[in-house]
Amino acid sequence: IFDGSISVFPNPNSGVFTLDMINVQSGKYTMSIMNILGEEIYVESREINGTSSTIMDLNHLSKGSYILKITNNNDVLTDKIIIQ
Protein backbone atom coordinates (compact mmCIF):
# COMPACT_ATOMS: atom_id res chain seq x y z
CA ILE A 1 0.00 0.00 0.00
CA PHE A 2 1.29 3.41 -0.96
CA ASP A 3 1.84 6.10 1.64
CA GLY A 4 0.47 9.53 0.74
CA SER A 5 -1.96 10.08 -2.11
CA ILE A 6 -1.89 9.55 -5.85
CA SER A 7 -4.44 11.15 -8.17
CA VAL A 8 -5.05 11.35 -11.92
CA PHE A 9 -7.04 14.23 -13.38
CA PRO A 10 -8.93 14.98 -15.45
CA ASN A 11 -10.28 11.51 -16.08
CA PRO A 12 -11.74 11.02 -18.67
CA ASN A 13 -9.33 13.18 -20.70
CA SER A 14 -8.12 13.90 -24.22
CA GLY A 15 -4.84 12.05 -23.69
CA VAL A 16 -3.23 14.77 -21.58
CA PHE A 17 -3.60 14.42 -17.82
CA THR A 18 -1.84 15.23 -14.57
CA LEU A 19 -0.46 12.59 -12.23
CA ASP A 20 -0.07 13.99 -8.71
CA MET A 21 1.85 12.11 -6.05
CA ILE A 22 1.71 13.81 -2.64
CA ASN A 23 3.63 12.75 0.47
CA VAL A 24 4.64 9.40 -1.03
CA GLN A 25 7.67 7.43 0.09
CA SER A 26 10.81 8.70 -1.65
CA GLY A 27 12.28 6.32 -4.21
CA LYS A 28 12.17 5.11 -7.78
CA TYR A 29 8.68 4.88 -9.30
CA THR A 30 7.76 3.29 -12.61
CA MET A 31 4.62 4.52 -14.39
CA SER A 32 3.33 2.36 -17.20
CA ILE A 33 0.27 2.49 -19.43
CA MET A 34 -1.27 -0.72 -20.68
CA ASN A 35 -3.97 -1.23 -23.29
CA ILE A 36 -6.99 -3.45 -22.67
CA LEU A 37 -5.01 -6.46 -23.91
CA GLY A 38 -2.48 -5.93 -21.11
CA GLU A 39 0.26 -4.81 -23.51
CA GLU A 40 2.59 -2.16 -22.11
CA ILE A 41 2.48 0.79 -24.52
CA TYR A 42 4.25 3.45 -22.44
CA VAL A 43 6.69 3.28 -19.54
CA GLU A 44 8.60 5.92 -17.60
CA SER A 45 10.73 5.65 -14.46
CA ARG A 46 11.75 8.49 -12.21
CA GLU A 47 12.99 9.27 -8.74
CA ILE A 48 10.29 10.86 -6.58
CA ASN A 49 11.26 12.70 -3.43
CA GLY A 50 7.96 12.84 -1.56
CA THR A 51 5.86 14.95 -3.93
CA SER A 52 5.59 15.12 -7.71
CA SER A 53 3.21 16.58 -10.28
CA THR A 54 3.67 15.23 -13.80
CA ILE A 55 1.76 16.17 -16.93
CA MET A 56 1.50 13.06 -19.09
CA ASP A 57 0.90 13.63 -22.80
CA LEU A 58 -0.51 10.49 -24.41
CA ASN A 59 -2.71 12.19 -27.02
CA HIS A 60 -1.12 9.98 -29.70
CA LEU A 61 -3.07 7.04 -28.28
CA SER A 62 -6.45 6.00 -29.66
CA LYS A 63 -9.62 6.80 -27.75
CA GLY A 64 -10.49 4.12 -25.24
CA SER A 65 -9.72 2.70 -21.81
CA TYR A 66 -6.20 2.16 -20.50
CA ILE A 67 -4.66 1.01 -17.25
CA LEU A 68 -2.12 3.18 -15.43
CA LYS A 69 0.19 1.07 -13.28
CA ILE A 70 2.50 2.70 -10.73
CA THR A 71 5.11 0.57 -8.97
CA ASN A 72 7.61 1.31 -6.22
CA ASN A 73 9.56 -1.58 -4.66
CA ASN A 74 6.85 -4.18 -4.01
CA ASP A 75 3.92 -1.72 -4.02
CA VAL A 76 1.63 -1.60 -7.05
CA LEU A 77 -1.25 0.79 -7.73
CA THR A 78 -3.49 0.58 -10.78
CA ASP A 79 -6.07 3.03 -12.07
CA LYS A 80 -8.25 3.14 -15.17
CA ILE A 81 -7.71 6.04 -17.58
CA ILE A 82 -10.25 6.93 -20.24
CA ILE A 83 -9.14 8.85 -23.34
CA GLN A 84 -12.02 10.35 -25.33
C-alpha atoms as a PDB file:
ATOM      1  CA  ILE A   1       0.000   0.000   0.000  1.00  0.00           C
ATOM      2  CA  PHE A   2       1.290   3.413  -0.956  1.00  0.00           C
ATOM      3  CA  ASP A   3       1.841   6.100   1.640  1.00  0.00           C
ATOM      4  CA  GLY A   4       0.467   9.529   0.736  1.00  0.00           C
ATOM      5  CA  SER A   5      -1.956  10.083  -2.112  1.00  0.00           C
ATOM      6  CA  ILE A   6      -1.887   9.554  -5.849  1.00  0.00           C
ATOM      7  CA  SER A   7      -4.442  11.155  -8.165  1.00  0.00           C
ATOM      8  CA  VAL A   8      -5.049  11.355 -11.917  1.00  0.00           C
ATOM      9  CA  PHE A   9      -7.038  14.233 -13.377  1.00  0.00           C
ATOM     10  CA  PRO A  10      -8.935  14.979 -15.453  1.00  0.00           C
ATOM     11  CA  ASN A  11     -10.279  11.514 -16.077  1.00  0.00           C
ATOM     12  CA  PRO A  12     -11.741  11.025 -18.674  1.00  0.00           C
ATOM     13  CA  ASN A  13      -9.334  13.181 -20.699  1.00  0.00           C
ATOM     14  CA  SER A  14      -8.116  13.904 -24.221  1.00  0.00           C
ATOM     15  CA  GLY A  15      -4.836  12.052 -23.693  1.00  0.00           C
ATOM     16  CA  VAL A  16      -3.228  14.774 -21.578  1.00  0.00           C
ATOM     17  CA  PHE A  17      -3.600  14.420 -17.819  1.00  0.00           C
ATOM     18  CA  THR A  18      -1.837  15.231 -14.568  1.00  0.00           C
ATOM     19  CA  LEU A  19      -0.456  12.592 -12.232  1.00  0.00           C
ATOM     20  CA  ASP A  20      -0.069  13.992  -8.712  1.00  0.00           C
ATOM     21  CA  MET A  21       1.853  12.109  -6.048  1.00  0.00           C
ATOM     22  CA  ILE A  22       1.707  13.807  -2.643  1.00  0.00           C
ATOM     23  CA  ASN A  23       3.634  12.750   0.474  1.00  0.00           C
ATOM     24  CA  VAL A  24       4.640   9.399  -1.031  1.00  0.00           C
ATOM     25  CA  GLN A  25       7.672   7.426   0.086  1.00  0.00           C
ATOM     26  CA  SER A  26      10.814   8.703  -1.655  1.00  0.00           C
ATOM     27  CA  GLY A  27      12.284   6.317  -4.207  1.00  0.00           C
ATOM     28  CA  LYS A  28      12.168   5.113  -7.781  1.00  0.00           C
ATOM     29  CA  TYR A  29       8.684   4.880  -9.298  1.00  0.00           C
ATOM     30  CA  THR A  30       7.757   3.289 -12.608  1.00  0.00           C
ATOM     31  CA  MET A  31       4.624   4.522 -14.386  1.00  0.00           C
ATOM     32  CA  SER A  32       3.330   2.358 -17.200  1.00  0.00           C
ATOM     33  CA  ILE A  33       0.273   2.494 -19.433  1.00  0.00           C
ATOM     34  CA  MET A  34      -1.273  -0.719 -20.684  1.00  0.00           C
ATOM     35  CA  ASN A  35      -3.968  -1.232 -23.286  1.00  0.00           C
ATOM     36  CA  ILE A  36      -6.989  -3.446 -22.668  1.00  0.00           C
ATOM     37  CA  LEU A  37      -5.006  -6.465 -23.909  1.00  0.00           C
ATOM     38  CA  GLY A  38      -2.478  -5.928 -21.115  1.00  0.00           C
ATOM     39  CA  GLU A  39       0.258  -4.807 -23.512  1.00  0.00           C
ATOM     40  CA  GLU A  40       2.585  -2.158 -22.113  1.00  0.00           C
ATOM     41  CA  ILE A  41       2.477   0.789 -24.522  1.00  0.00           C
ATOM     42  CA  TYR A  42       4.250   3.446 -22.444  1.00  0.00           C
ATOM     43  CA  VAL A  43       6.695   3.280 -19.543  1.00  0.00           C
ATOM     44  CA  GLU A  44       8.599   5.918 -17.603  1.00  0.00           C
ATOM     45  CA  SER A  45      10.731   5.648 -14.458  1.00  0.00           C
ATOM     46  CA  ARG A  46      11.746   8.490 -12.209  1.00  0.00           C
ATOM     47  CA  GLU A  47      12.989   9.272  -8.736  1.00  0.00           C
ATOM     48  CA  ILE A  48      10.288  10.860  -6.576  1.00  0.00           C
ATOM     49  CA  ASN A  49      11.264  12.703  -3.430  1.00  0.00           C
ATOM     50  CA  GLY A  50       7.960  12.841  -1.556  1.00  0.00           C
ATOM     51  CA  THR A  51       5.864  14.954  -3.934  1.00  0.00           C
ATOM     52  CA  SER A  52       5.586  15.119  -7.710  1.00  0.00           C
ATOM     53  CA  SER A  53       3.209  16.575 -10.279  1.00  0.00           C
ATOM     54  CA  THR A  54       3.669  15.231 -13.796  1.00  0.00           C
ATOM     55  CA  ILE A  55       1.761  16.172 -16.933  1.00  0.00           C
ATOM     56  CA  MET A  56       1.504  13.064 -19.087  1.00  0.00           C
ATOM     57  CA  ASP A  57       0.897  13.626 -22.800  1.00  0.00           C
ATOM     58  CA  LEU A  58      -0.511  10.494 -24.408  1.00  0.00           C
ATOM     59  CA  ASN A  59      -2.707  12.191 -27.018  1.00  0.00           C
ATOM     60  CA  HIS A  60      -1.116   9.982 -29.702  1.00  0.00           C
ATOM     61  CA  LEU A  61      -3.070   7.038 -28.282  1.00  0.00           C
ATOM     62  CA  SER A  62      -6.451   5.998 -29.660  1.00  0.00           C
ATOM     63  CA  LYS A  63      -9.616   6.803 -27.752  1.00  0.00           C
ATOM     64  CA  GLY A  64     -10.485   4.115 -25.238  1.00  0.00           C
ATOM     65  CA  SER A  65      -9.721   2.697 -21.806  1.00  0.00           C
ATOM     66  CA  TYR A  66      -6.205   2.159 -20.504  1.00  0.00           C
ATOM     67  CA  ILE A  67      -4.658   1.007 -17.248  1.00  0.00           C
ATOM     68  CA  LEU A  68      -2.122   3.182 -15.426  1.00  0.00           C
ATOM     69  CA  LYS A  69       0.188   1.069 -13.277  1.00  0.00           C
ATOM     70  CA  ILE A  70       2.502   2.698 -10.732  1.00  0.00           C
ATOM     71  CA  THR A  71       5.106   0.574  -8.965  1.00  0.00           C
ATOM     72  CA  ASN A  72       7.612   1.314  -6.215  1.00  0.00           C
ATOM     73  CA  ASN A  73       9.557  -1.575  -4.659  1.00  0.00           C
ATOM     74  CA  ASN A  74       6.851  -4.176  -4.009  1.00  0.00           C
ATOM     75  CA  ASP A  75       3.921  -1.724  -4.025  1.00  0.00           C
ATOM     76  CA  VAL A  76       1.634  -1.604  -7.055  1.00  0.00           C
ATOM     77  CA  LEU A  77      -1.251   0.789  -7.732  1.00  0.00           C
ATOM     78  CA  THR A  78      -3.493   0.584 -10.783  1.00  0.00           C
ATOM     79  CA  ASP A  79      -6.067   3.027 -12.067  1.00  0.00           C
ATOM     80  CA  LYS A  80      -8.249   3.144 -15.169  1.00  0.00           C
ATOM     81  CA  ILE A  81      -7.711   6.038 -17.578  1.00  0.00           C
ATOM     82  CA  ILE A  82     -10.253   6.929 -20.245  1.00  0.00           C
ATOM     83  CA  ILE A  83      -9.140   8.847 -23.344  1.00  0.00           C
ATOM     84  CA  GLN A  84     -12.019  10.353 -25.326  1.00  0.00           C
END
